[in-house]
PDB file of N, CA and C in Angstrom:
ATOM      1  N   UNK A   1      14.972  -2.256   1.117  1.00  0.00           N
ATOM      2  CA  UNK A   1      13.721  -1.961   0.375  1.00  0.00           C
ATOM      3  C   UNK A   1      13.810  -0.619  -0.267  1.00  0.00           C
ATOM      4  N   UNK A   2      14.235   0.344   0.085  1.00  0.00           N
ATOM      5  CA  UNK A   2      14.398   1.807  -0.378  1.00  0.00           C
ATOM      6  C   UNK A   2      14.991   1.592  -1.886  1.00  0.00           C
ATOM      7  N   UNK A   3      15.917   0.660  -2.128  1.00  0.00           N
ATOM      8  CA  UNK A   3      16.470   0.604  -3.434  1.00  0.00           C
ATOM      9  C   UNK A   3      15.450   0.003  -4.494  1.00  0.00           C
ATOM     10  N   UNK A   4      14.360  -0.603  -4.066  1.00  0.00           N
ATOM     11  CA  UNK A   4      13.311  -1.001  -4.964  1.00  0.00           C
ATOM     12  C   UNK A   4      12.527   0.134  -5.552  1.00  0.00           C
ATOM     13  N   UNK A   5      12.413   1.191  -4.931  1.00  0.00           N
ATOM     14  CA  UNK A   5      11.785   2.405  -5.366  1.00  0.00           C
ATOM     15  C   UNK A   5      12.278   3.115  -6.367  1.00  0.00           C
ATOM     16  N   UNK A   6      13.497   2.842  -6.778  1.00  0.00           N
ATOM     17  CA  UNK A   6      14.407   3.670  -7.555  1.00  0.00           C
ATOM     18  C   UNK A   6      14.262   3.459  -8.980  1.00  0.00           C
ATOM     19  N   UNK A   7      13.475   2.295  -9.344  1.00  0.00           N
ATOM     20  CA  UNK A   7      13.235   2.048 -10.849  1.00  0.00           C
ATOM     21  C   UNK A   7      11.800   1.549 -10.893  1.00  0.00           C
ATOM     22  N   UNK A   8      11.232   1.679 -12.198  1.00  0.00           N
ATOM     23  CA  UNK A   8       9.892   1.150 -12.352  1.00  0.00           C
ATOM     24  C   UNK A   8       9.743  -0.233 -12.141  1.00  0.00           C
ATOM     25  N   UNK A   9      10.710  -1.124 -12.447  1.00  0.00           N
ATOM     26  CA  UNK A   9      10.696  -2.480 -12.341  1.00  0.00           C
ATOM     27  C   UNK A   9      10.644  -2.744 -10.807  1.00  0.00           C
ATOM     28  N   UNK A  10      11.548  -2.006  -9.965  1.00  0.00           N
ATOM     29  CA  UNK A  10      11.606  -2.170  -8.608  1.00  0.00           C
ATOM     30  C   UNK A  10      10.302  -1.896  -7.935  1.00  0.00           C
ATOM     31  N   UNK A  11       9.694  -0.776  -8.406  1.00  0.00           N
ATOM     32  CA  UNK A  11       8.202  -0.501  -7.731  1.00  0.00           C
ATOM     33  C   UNK A  11       7.186  -1.570  -8.151  1.00  0.00           C
ATOM     34  N   UNK A  12       7.354  -1.952  -9.275  1.00  0.00           N
ATOM     35  CA  UNK A  12       6.443  -3.088  -9.751  1.00  0.00           C
ATOM     36  C   UNK A  12       6.616  -4.266  -8.858  1.00  0.00           C
ATOM     37  N   UNK A  13       8.008  -4.728  -8.544  1.00  0.00           N
ATOM     38  CA  UNK A  13       8.124  -5.776  -7.704  1.00  0.00           C
ATOM     39  C   UNK A  13       7.709  -5.657  -6.241  1.00  0.00           C
ATOM     40  N   UNK A  14       7.927  -4.435  -5.688  1.00  0.00           N
ATOM     41  CA  UNK A  14       7.288  -4.095  -4.401  1.00  0.00           C
ATOM     42  C   UNK A  14       5.835  -4.174  -4.388  1.00  0.00           C
ATOM     43  N   UNK A  15       5.208  -3.599  -5.386  1.00  0.00           N
ATOM     44  CA  UNK A  15       3.640  -3.621  -5.446  1.00  0.00           C
ATOM     45  C   UNK A  15       3.224  -5.094  -5.611  1.00  0.00           C
ATOM     46  N   UNK A  16       3.975  -5.894  -6.292  1.00  0.00           N
ATOM     47  CA  UNK A  16       3.607  -7.333  -6.564  1.00  0.00           C
ATOM     48  C   UNK A  16       3.622  -7.980  -5.165  1.00  0.00           C
ATOM     49  N   UNK A  17       4.714  -7.790  -4.388  1.00  0.00           N
ATOM     50  CA  UNK A  17       4.835  -8.380  -3.069  1.00  0.00           C
ATOM     51  C   UNK A  17       3.642  -7.973  -2.279  1.00  0.00           C
ATOM     52  N   UNK A  18       3.443  -6.619  -2.217  1.00  0.00           N
ATOM     53  CA  UNK A  18       2.303  -6.173  -1.364  1.00  0.00           C
ATOM     54  C   UNK A  18       0.916  -6.756  -1.800  1.00  0.00           C
ATOM     55  N   UNK A  19       0.606  -6.785  -3.133  1.00  0.00           N
ATOM     56  CA  UNK A  19      -0.550  -7.275  -3.684  1.00  0.00           C
ATOM     57  C   UNK A  19      -0.598  -8.815  -3.418  1.00  0.00           C
ATOM     58  N   UNK A  20       0.466  -9.559  -3.472  1.00  0.00           N
ATOM     59  CA  UNK A  20       0.356 -11.032  -3.311  1.00  0.00           C
ATOM     60  C   UNK A  20       0.002 -11.232  -1.832  1.00  0.00           C
ATOM     61  N   UNK A  21       0.695 -10.455  -0.836  1.00  0.00           N
ATOM     62  CA  UNK A  21       0.433 -10.613   0.546  1.00  0.00           C
ATOM     63  C   UNK A  21      -1.021 -10.262   0.807  1.00  0.00           C
ATOM     64  N   UNK A  22      -1.611  -9.213   0.297  1.00  0.00           N
ATOM     65  CA  UNK A  22      -3.007  -8.887   0.570  1.00  0.00           C
ATOM     66  C   UNK A  22      -3.961 -10.002   0.069  1.00  0.00           C
ATOM     67  N   UNK A  23      -3.580 -10.495  -1.073  1.00  0.00           N
ATOM     68  CA  UNK A  23      -4.449 -11.570  -1.663  1.00  0.00           C
ATOM     69  C   UNK A  23      -4.529 -12.799  -0.700  1.00  0.00           C
ATOM     70  N   UNK A  24      -3.325 -13.248  -0.280  1.00  0.00           N
ATOM     71  CA  UNK A  24      -3.125 -14.366   0.656  1.00  0.00           C
ATOM     72  C   UNK A  24      -3.924 -13.877   1.994  1.00  0.00           C
ATOM     73  N   UNK A  25      -3.723 -12.849   2.557  1.00  0.00           N
ATOM     74  CA  UNK A  25      -4.460 -12.545   3.733  1.00  0.00           C
ATOM     75  C   UNK A  25      -5.987 -12.559   3.529  1.00  0.00           C
ATOM     76  N   UNK A  26      -6.452 -11.963   2.407  1.00  0.00           N
ATOM     77  CA  UNK A  26      -7.946 -12.052   2.080  1.00  0.00           C
ATOM     78  C   UNK A  26      -8.357 -13.543   1.970  1.00  0.00           C
ATOM     79  N   UNK A  27      -7.540 -14.287   1.302  1.00  0.00           N
ATOM     80  CA  UNK A  27      -8.051 -15.823   1.122  1.00  0.00           C
ATOM     81  C   UNK A  27      -8.019 -16.687   2.189  1.00  0.00           C
ATOM     82  N   UNK A  28      -6.853 -16.510   3.017  1.00  0.00           N
ATOM     83  CA  UNK A  28      -6.602 -17.378   4.170  1.00  0.00           C
ATOM     84  C   UNK A  28      -6.985 -16.948   5.569  1.00  0.00           C
ATOM     85  N   UNK A  29      -7.201 -15.592   5.630  1.00  0.00           N
ATOM     86  CA  UNK A  29      -7.545 -14.991   6.979  1.00  0.00           C
ATOM     87  C   UNK A  29      -8.981 -14.398   6.976  1.00  0.00           C
ATOM     88  N   UNK A  30      -9.000 -13.312   6.040  1.00  0.00           N
ATOM     89  CA  UNK A  30     -10.213 -12.509   6.161  1.00  0.00           C
ATOM     90  C   UNK A  30     -11.541 -13.179   5.620  1.00  0.00           C
ATOM     91  N   UNK A  31     -11.430 -14.086   4.665  1.00  0.00           N
ATOM     92  CA  UNK A  31     -12.580 -14.810   4.043  1.00  0.00           C
ATOM     93  C   UNK A  31     -13.007 -15.752   5.114  1.00  0.00           C
ATOM     94  N   UNK A  32     -12.152 -16.683   5.571  1.00  0.00           N
ATOM     95  CA  UNK A  32     -12.641 -17.591   6.413  1.00  0.00           C
ATOM     96  C   UNK A  32     -13.230 -16.944   7.787  1.00  0.00           C
ATOM     97  N   UNK A  33     -12.612 -15.791   8.177  1.00  0.00           N
ATOM     98  CA  UNK A  33     -13.243 -15.127   9.404  1.00  0.00           C
ATOM     99  C   UNK A  33     -14.580 -14.726   9.151  1.00  0.00           C
ATOM    100  N   UNK A  34     -14.862 -14.239   7.884  1.00  0.00           N
ATOM    101  CA  UNK A  34     -16.120 -13.704   7.600  1.00  0.00           C
ATOM    102  C   UNK A  34     -17.165 -14.823   7.474  1.00  0.00           C
ATOM    103  N   UNK A  35     -16.885 -15.995   6.781  1.00  0.00           N
ATOM    104  CA  UNK A  35     -17.797 -17.087   6.680  1.00  0.00           C
ATOM    105  C   UNK A  35     -17.963 -18.002   7.724  1.00  0.00           C
ATOM    106  N   UNK A  36     -16.863 -18.222   8.517  1.00  0.00           N
ATOM    107  CA  UNK A  36     -16.869 -19.243   9.526  1.00  0.00           C
ATOM    108  C   UNK A  36     -17.281 -18.665  11.001  1.00  0.00           C
ATOM    109  N   UNK A  37     -16.798 -17.410  11.125  1.00  0.00           N
ATOM    110  CA  UNK A  37     -16.958 -16.793  12.422  1.00  0.00           C
ATOM    111  C   UNK A  37     -17.818 -15.545  12.373  1.00  0.00           C
ATOM    112  N   UNK A  38     -18.454 -15.086  11.273  1.00  0.00           N
ATOM    113  CA  UNK A  38     -19.336 -14.170  11.001  1.00  0.00           C
ATOM    114  C   UNK A  38     -18.739 -12.707  11.248  1.00  0.00           C
ATOM    115  N   UNK A  39     -17.330 -12.589  11.169  1.00  0.00           N
ATOM    116  CA  UNK A  39     -16.724 -11.427  11.490  1.00  0.00           C
ATOM    117  C   UNK A  39     -16.094 -10.840   9.948  1.00  0.00           C
ATOM    118  N   UNK A  40     -16.901  -9.860   9.570  1.00  0.00           N
ATOM    119  CA  UNK A  40     -16.485  -9.370   8.235  1.00  0.00           C
ATOM    120  C   UNK A  40     -15.507  -8.224   8.437  1.00  0.00           C
ATOM    121  N   UNK A  41     -14.896  -7.876   9.559  1.00  0.00           N
ATOM    122  CA  UNK A  41     -14.092  -6.617   9.723  1.00  0.00           C
ATOM    123  C   UNK A  41     -12.721  -6.800   8.724  1.00  0.00           C
ATOM    124  N   UNK A  42     -12.315  -8.002   8.578  1.00  0.00           N
ATOM    125  CA  UNK A  42     -11.060  -8.255   7.840  1.00  0.00           C
ATOM    126  C   UNK A  42     -11.358  -7.925   6.444  1.00  0.00           C
ATOM    127  N   UNK A  43     -12.424  -8.482   5.838  1.00  0.00           N
ATOM    128  CA  UNK A  43     -12.697  -8.189   4.438  1.00  0.00           C
ATOM    129  C   UNK A  43     -13.058  -6.719   4.210  1.00  0.00           C
ATOM    130  N   UNK A  44     -13.739  -6.181   5.237  1.00  0.00           N
ATOM    131  CA  UNK A  44     -13.968  -4.699   5.000  1.00  0.00           C
ATOM    132  C   UNK A  44     -12.735  -3.696   5.046  1.00  0.00           C
ATOM    133  N   UNK A  45     -11.682  -4.156   5.714  1.00  0.00           N
ATOM    134  CA  UNK A  45     -10.505  -3.467   5.778  1.00  0.00           C
ATOM    135  C   UNK A  45      -9.545  -3.931   4.479  1.00  0.00           C
ATOM    136  N   UNK A  46      -9.369  -5.228   4.426  1.00  0.00           N
ATOM    137  CA  UNK A  46      -8.469  -5.694   3.379  1.00  0.00           C
ATOM    138  C   UNK A  46      -9.001  -5.803   1.974  1.00  0.00           C
ATOM    139  N   UNK A  47     -10.109  -5.754   1.787  1.00  0.00           N
ATOM    140  CA  UNK A  47     -10.812  -5.715   0.458  1.00  0.00           C
ATOM    141  C   UNK A  47     -10.329  -4.378  -0.272  1.00  0.00           C
ATOM    142  N   UNK A  48     -10.607  -3.229   0.106  1.00  0.00           N
ATOM    143  CA  UNK A  48     -10.304  -2.019  -0.557  1.00  0.00           C
ATOM    144  C   UNK A  48      -8.784  -1.823  -0.689  1.00  0.00           C
ATOM    145  N   UNK A  49      -7.877  -2.395   0.282  1.00  0.00           N
ATOM    146  CA  UNK A  49      -6.424  -2.298   0.208  1.00  0.00           C
ATOM    147  C   UNK A  49      -5.993  -3.140  -0.936  1.00  0.00           C
ATOM    148  N   UNK A  50      -6.479  -4.425  -1.003  1.00  0.00           N
ATOM    149  CA  UNK A  50      -6.196  -5.271  -2.142  1.00  0.00           C
ATOM    150  C   UNK A  50      -6.560  -4.794  -3.417  1.00  0.00           C
ATOM    151  N   UNK A  51      -7.766  -4.307  -3.410  1.00  0.00           N
ATOM    152  CA  UNK A  51      -8.322  -3.692  -4.564  1.00  0.00           C
ATOM    153  C   UNK A  51      -7.373  -2.543  -5.260  1.00  0.00           C
ATOM    154  N   UNK A  52      -7.041  -1.640  -4.287  1.00  0.00           N
ATOM    155  CA  UNK A  52      -6.030  -0.732  -4.765  1.00  0.00           C
ATOM    156  C   UNK A  52      -4.721  -1.137  -5.194  1.00  0.00           C
ATOM    157  N   UNK A  53      -4.066  -2.127  -4.490  1.00  0.00           N
ATOM    158  CA  UNK A  53      -2.850  -2.813  -4.816  1.00  0.00           C
ATOM    159  C   UNK A  53      -2.958  -3.469  -6.157  1.00  0.00           C
ATOM    160  N   UNK A  54      -4.113  -4.184  -6.335  1.00  0.00           N
ATOM    161  CA  UNK A  54      -4.407  -4.936  -7.570  1.00  0.00           C
ATOM    162  C   UNK A  54      -4.298  -3.965  -8.682  1.00  0.00           C
ATOM    163  N   UNK A  55      -5.128  -2.958  -8.596  1.00  0.00           N
ATOM    164  CA  UNK A  55      -5.054  -1.852  -9.736  1.00  0.00           C
ATOM    165  C   UNK A  55      -3.711  -1.214  -9.887  1.00  0.00           C
ATOM    166  N   UNK A  56      -2.957  -0.949  -8.922  1.00  0.00           N
ATOM    167  CA  UNK A  56      -1.644  -0.403  -9.005  1.00  0.00           C
ATOM    168  C   UNK A  56      -0.624  -1.342  -9.809  1.00  0.00           C
ATOM    169  N   UNK A  57      -0.754  -2.742  -9.393  1.00  0.00           N
ATOM    170  CA  UNK A  57      -0.021  -3.698 -10.075  1.00  0.00           C
ATOM    171  C   UNK A  57      -0.384  -3.771 -11.667  1.00  0.00           C
ATOM    172  N   UNK A  58      -1.605  -3.801 -11.918  1.00  0.00           N
ATOM    173  CA  UNK A  58      -1.943  -3.788 -13.350  1.00  0.00           C
ATOM    174  C   UNK A  58      -1.552  -2.591 -14.103  1.00  0.00           C
ATOM    175  N   UNK A  59      -1.673  -1.370 -13.527  1.00  0.00           N
ATOM    176  CA  UNK A  59      -1.165  -0.187 -14.288  1.00  0.00           C
ATOM    177  C   UNK A  59       0.246  -0.125 -14.306  1.00  0.00           C
ATOM    178  N   UNK A  60       0.990  -0.507 -13.315  1.00  0.00           N
ATOM    179  CA  UNK A  60       2.486  -0.521 -13.349  1.00  0.00           C
ATOM    180  C   UNK A  60       3.029  -1.568 -14.169  1.00  0.00           C
ATOM    181  N   UNK A  61       2.265  -2.830 -14.348  1.00  0.00           N
ATOM    182  CA  UNK A  61       2.650  -3.836 -15.351  1.00  0.00           C
ATOM    183  C   UNK A  61       2.712  -3.318 -16.691  1.00  0.00           C
ATOM    184  N   UNK A  62       1.588  -2.675 -17.025  1.00  0.00           N
ATOM    185  CA  UNK A  62       1.374  -2.044 -18.471  1.00  0.00           C
ATOM    186  C   UNK A  62       2.466  -1.085 -18.662  1.00  0.00           C
ATOM    187  N   UNK A  63       2.636  -0.270 -17.621  1.00  0.00           N
ATOM    188  CA  UNK A  63       3.651   0.894 -17.878  1.00  0.00           C
ATOM    189  C   UNK A  63       5.049   0.345 -18.160  1.00  0.00           C
ATOM    190  N   UNK A  64       5.447  -0.603 -17.231  1.00  0.00           N
ATOM    191  CA  UNK A  64       6.737  -1.349 -17.401  1.00  0.00           C
ATOM    192  C   UNK A  64       6.859  -2.080 -18.758  1.00  0.00           C
ATOM    193  N   UNK A  65       5.746  -2.770 -19.100  1.00  0.00           N
ATOM    194  CA  UNK A  65       5.675  -3.496 -20.278  1.00  0.00           C
ATOM    195  C   UNK A  65       6.027  -2.452 -21.491  1.00  0.00           C
ATOM    196  N   UNK A  66       5.405  -1.424 -21.564  1.00  0.00           N
ATOM    197  CA  UNK A  66       5.658  -0.464 -22.682  1.00  0.00           C
ATOM    198  C   UNK A  66       6.907   0.015 -22.625  1.00  0.00           C
ATOM    199  N   UNK A  67       7.447   0.495 -21.347  1.00  0.00           N
ATOM    200  CA  UNK A  67       8.801   0.929 -21.337  1.00  0.00           C
ATOM    201  C   UNK A  67       9.831  -0.113 -21.644  1.00  0.00           C
ATOM    202  N   UNK A  68       9.616  -1.185 -21.179  1.00  0.00           N
ATOM    203  CA  UNK A  68      10.688  -2.274 -21.425  1.00  0.00           C
ATOM    204  C   UNK A  68      10.496  -3.056 -22.860  1.00  0.00           C
ATOM    205  N   UNK A  69       9.472  -2.615 -23.642  1.00  0.00           N
ATOM    206  CA  UNK A  69       9.183  -3.150 -24.986  1.00  0.00           C
ATOM    207  C   UNK A  69       8.952  -4.712 -24.807  1.00  0.00           C
ATOM    208  N   UNK A  70       8.122  -5.064 -23.833  1.00  0.00           N
ATOM    209  CA  UNK A  70       7.816  -6.406 -23.640  1.00  0.00           C
ATOM    210  C   UNK A  70       6.870  -6.877 -24.763  1.00  0.00           C
ATOM    211  N   UNK A  71       6.980  -8.078 -25.183  1.00  0.00           N
ATOM    212  CA  UNK A  71       5.985  -8.758 -26.139  1.00  0.00           C
ATOM    213  C   UNK A  71       4.897  -9.187 -25.247  1.00  0.00           C
ATOM    214  N   UNK A  72       3.656  -8.679 -25.656  1.00  0.00           N
ATOM    215  CA  UNK A  72       2.442  -8.837 -24.828  1.00  0.00           C
ATOM    216  C   UNK A  72       2.231 -10.409 -24.549  1.00  0.00           C
ATOM    217  N   UNK A  73       2.286 -11.273 -25.698  1.00  0.00           N
ATOM    218  CA  UNK A  73       2.139 -12.618 -25.563  1.00  0.00           C
ATOM    219  C   UNK A  73       3.244 -13.359 -24.948  1.00  0.00           C
ATOM    220  N   UNK A  74       4.442 -12.836 -24.843  1.00  0.00           N
ATOM    221  CA  UNK A  74       5.559 -13.465 -24.086  1.00  0.00           C
ATOM    222  C   UNK A  74       5.596 -13.186 -22.661  1.00  0.00           C
ATOM    223  N   UNK A  75       5.476 -11.977 -22.259  1.00  0.00           N
ATOM    224  CA  UNK A  75       5.874 -11.423 -20.926  1.00  0.00           C
ATOM    225  C   UNK A  75       4.687 -10.790 -20.320  1.00  0.00           C
ATOM    226  N   UNK A  76       4.080  -9.746 -20.828  1.00  0.00           N
ATOM    227  CA  UNK A  76       3.067  -9.014 -20.193  1.00  0.00           C
ATOM    228  C   UNK A  76       1.961  -9.721 -19.659  1.00  0.00           C
ATOM    229  N   UNK A  77       1.471 -10.606 -20.488  1.00  0.00           N
ATOM    230  CA  UNK A  77       0.244 -11.409 -20.085  1.00  0.00           C
ATOM    231  C   UNK A  77       0.625 -12.329 -18.890  1.00  0.00           C
ATOM    232  N   UNK A  78       1.761 -12.875 -18.835  1.00  0.00           N
ATOM    233  CA  UNK A  78       2.110 -13.614 -17.734  1.00  0.00           C
ATOM    234  C   UNK A  78       2.167 -12.890 -16.415  1.00  0.00           C
ATOM    235  N   UNK A  79       2.741 -11.617 -16.513  1.00  0.00           N
ATOM    236  CA  UNK A  79       2.846 -10.726 -15.347  1.00  0.00           C
ATOM    237  C   UNK A  79       1.384 -10.386 -14.884  1.00  0.00           C
ATOM    238  N   UNK A  80       0.552 -10.141 -15.887  1.00  0.00           N
ATOM    239  CA  UNK A  80      -0.774  -9.808 -15.457  1.00  0.00           C
ATOM    240  C   UNK A  80      -1.577 -10.872 -14.768  1.00  0.00           C
ATOM    241  N   UNK A  81      -1.351 -12.022 -15.359  1.00  0.00           N
ATOM    242  CA  UNK A  81      -2.128 -13.250 -14.979  1.00  0.00           C
ATOM    243  C   UNK A  81      -1.612 -13.427 -13.509  1.00  0.00           C
ATOM    244  N   UNK A  82      -0.359 -13.266 -13.311  1.00  0.00           N
ATOM    245  CA  UNK A  82       0.218 -13.621 -11.905  1.00  0.00           C
ATOM    246  C   UNK A  82      -0.625 -12.914 -10.718  1.00  0.00           C
ATOM    247  N   UNK A  83      -1.215 -11.768 -10.808  1.00  0.00           N
ATOM    248  CA  UNK A  83      -1.916 -11.179  -9.828  1.00  0.00           C
ATOM    249  C   UNK A  83      -3.278 -11.673  -9.591  1.00  0.00           C
ATOM    250  N   UNK A  84      -3.723 -12.711 -10.321  1.00  0.00           N
ATOM    251  CA  UNK A  84      -4.927 -13.393 -10.183  1.00  0.00           C
ATOM    252  C   UNK A  84      -4.790 -14.791  -9.429  1.00  0.00           C
ATOM    253  N   UNK A  85      -3.543 -15.178  -9.379  1.00  0.00           N
ATOM    254  CA  UNK A  85      -3.257 -16.581  -8.875  1.00  0.00           C
ATOM    255  C   UNK A  85      -2.577 -16.355  -7.463  1.00  0.00           C
ATOM    256  N   UNK A  86      -3.112 -17.068  -6.484  1.00  0.00           N
ATOM    257  CA  UNK A  86      -2.294 -17.006  -5.153  1.00  0.00           C
ATOM    258  C   UNK A  86      -0.898 -17.429  -5.363  1.00  0.00           C
ATOM    259  N   UNK A  87       0.052 -16.696  -4.780  1.00  0.00           N
ATOM    260  CA  UNK A  87       1.395 -16.802  -4.815  1.00  0.00           C
ATOM    261  C   UNK A  87       2.022 -16.461  -6.277  1.00  0.00           C
ATOM    262  N   UNK A  88       1.165 -16.137  -7.219  1.00  0.00           N
ATOM    263  CA  UNK A  88       1.558 -15.858  -8.662  1.00  0.00           C
ATOM    264  C   UNK A  88       2.515 -14.617  -8.659  1.00  0.00           C
ATOM    265  N   UNK A  89       2.267 -13.525  -7.967  1.00  0.00           N
ATOM    266  CA  UNK A  89       3.219 -12.430  -7.876  1.00  0.00           C
ATOM    267  C   UNK A  89       4.460 -12.801  -7.477  1.00  0.00           C
ATOM    268  N   UNK A  90       4.676 -13.649  -6.535  1.00  0.00           N
ATOM    269  CA  UNK A  90       5.960 -14.096  -6.029  1.00  0.00           C
ATOM    270  C   UNK A  90       6.690 -14.957  -7.007  1.00  0.00           C
ATOM    271  N   UNK A  91       5.991 -15.845  -7.724  1.00  0.00           N
ATOM    272  CA  UNK A  91       6.532 -16.776  -8.726  1.00  0.00           C
ATOM    273  C   UNK A  91       7.009 -15.797  -9.777  1.00  0.00           C
ATOM    274  N   UNK A  92       6.225 -14.948 -10.260  1.00  0.00           N
ATOM    275  CA  UNK A  92       6.582 -14.084 -11.497  1.00  0.00           C
ATOM    276  C   UNK A  92       7.703 -13.078 -11.144  1.00  0.00           C
ATOM    277  N   UNK A  93       7.882 -12.884  -9.887  1.00  0.00           N
ATOM    278  CA  UNK A  93       9.009 -11.918  -9.480  1.00  0.00           C
ATOM    279  C   UNK A  93      10.190 -12.668  -9.659  1.00  0.00           C
ATOM    280  N   UNK A  94      10.197 -13.978  -9.208  1.00  0.00           N
ATOM    281  CA  UNK A  94      11.502 -14.753  -9.324  1.00  0.00           C
ATOM    282  C   UNK A  94      11.723 -15.111 -10.738  1.00  0.00           C
ATOM    283  N   UNK A  95      10.782 -15.480 -11.605  1.00  0.00           N
ATOM    284  CA  UNK A  95      11.061 -16.002 -12.999  1.00  0.00           C
ATOM    285  C   UNK A  95      11.275 -14.915 -13.982  1.00  0.00           C
ATOM    286  N   UNK A  96      10.784 -13.652 -13.753  1.00  0.00           N
ATOM    287  CA  UNK A  96      10.769 -12.610 -14.816  1.00  0.00           C
ATOM    288  C   UNK A  96      11.429 -11.377 -14.221  1.00  0.00           C
ATOM    289  N   UNK A  97      10.742 -10.738 -13.282  1.00  0.00           N
ATOM    290  CA  UNK A  97      11.083  -9.432 -12.858  1.00  0.00           C
ATOM    291  C   UNK A  97      12.662  -9.275 -12.234  1.00  0.00           C
ATOM    292  N   UNK A  98      12.892 -10.316 -11.461  1.00  0.00           N
ATOM    293  CA  UNK A  98      14.155 -10.308 -10.832  1.00  0.00           C
ATOM    294  C   UNK A  98      15.348 -10.535 -11.858  1.00  0.00           C
ATOM    295  N   UNK A  99      15.014 -11.166 -12.900  1.00  0.00           N
ATOM    296  CA  UNK A  99      16.122 -11.312 -13.935  1.00  0.00           C
ATOM    297  C   UNK A  99      16.239 -10.014 -14.815  1.00  0.00           C
ATOM    298  N   UNK A 100      15.166  -9.193 -14.981  1.00  0.00           N
ATOM    299  CA  UNK A 100      15.351  -7.908 -15.671  1.00  0.00           C
ATOM    300  C   UNK A 100      16.036  -6.819 -14.808  1.00  0.00           C
ATOM    301  N   UNK A 101      15.792  -6.946 -13.463  1.00  0.00           N
ATOM    302  CA  UNK A 101      16.438  -5.900 -12.623  1.00  0.00           C
ATOM    303  C   UNK A 101      17.169  -6.610 -11.337  1.00  0.00           C
ATOM    304  N   UNK A 102      18.361  -7.454 -11.678  1.00  0.00           N
ATOM    305  CA  UNK A 102      18.738  -8.259 -10.581  1.00  0.00           C
ATOM    306  C   UNK A 102      19.415  -7.411  -9.344  1.00  0.00           C
ATOM    307  N   UNK A 103      19.669  -6.247  -9.649  1.00  0.00           N
ATOM    308  CA  UNK A 103      20.387  -5.403  -8.483  1.00  0.00           C
ATOM    309  C   UNK A 103      19.536  -5.143  -7.408  1.00  0.00           C
ATOM    310  N   UNK A 104      18.159  -5.188  -7.520  1.00  0.00           N
ATOM    311  CA  UNK A 104      17.396  -4.969  -6.424  1.00  0.00           C
ATOM    312  C   UNK A 104      16.920  -6.092  -5.708  1.00  0.00           C
TER     313      UNK A 104
END
């Protein structure tokens, strides 16, 4: 995992994994706990964490997109859209990010 932190794309991939996991935990654990069992502790904890990771993913995507000269309509919007869809960051990591920086 340490080698992921050495490049901007590596950091974006790591943030993508963490953002994707936090979204899945919110959707499939914290939200059902809140609405079915009236326990909102999961959403209170995971909500801000997911929000911070979401923003980090957006800012890092834009930064990497500028650095890598990505065409917005071809690559950047796909990566940005991925963080809105469950499992999207994992898919985009395999289809785009891993191919740009395969050593990580």
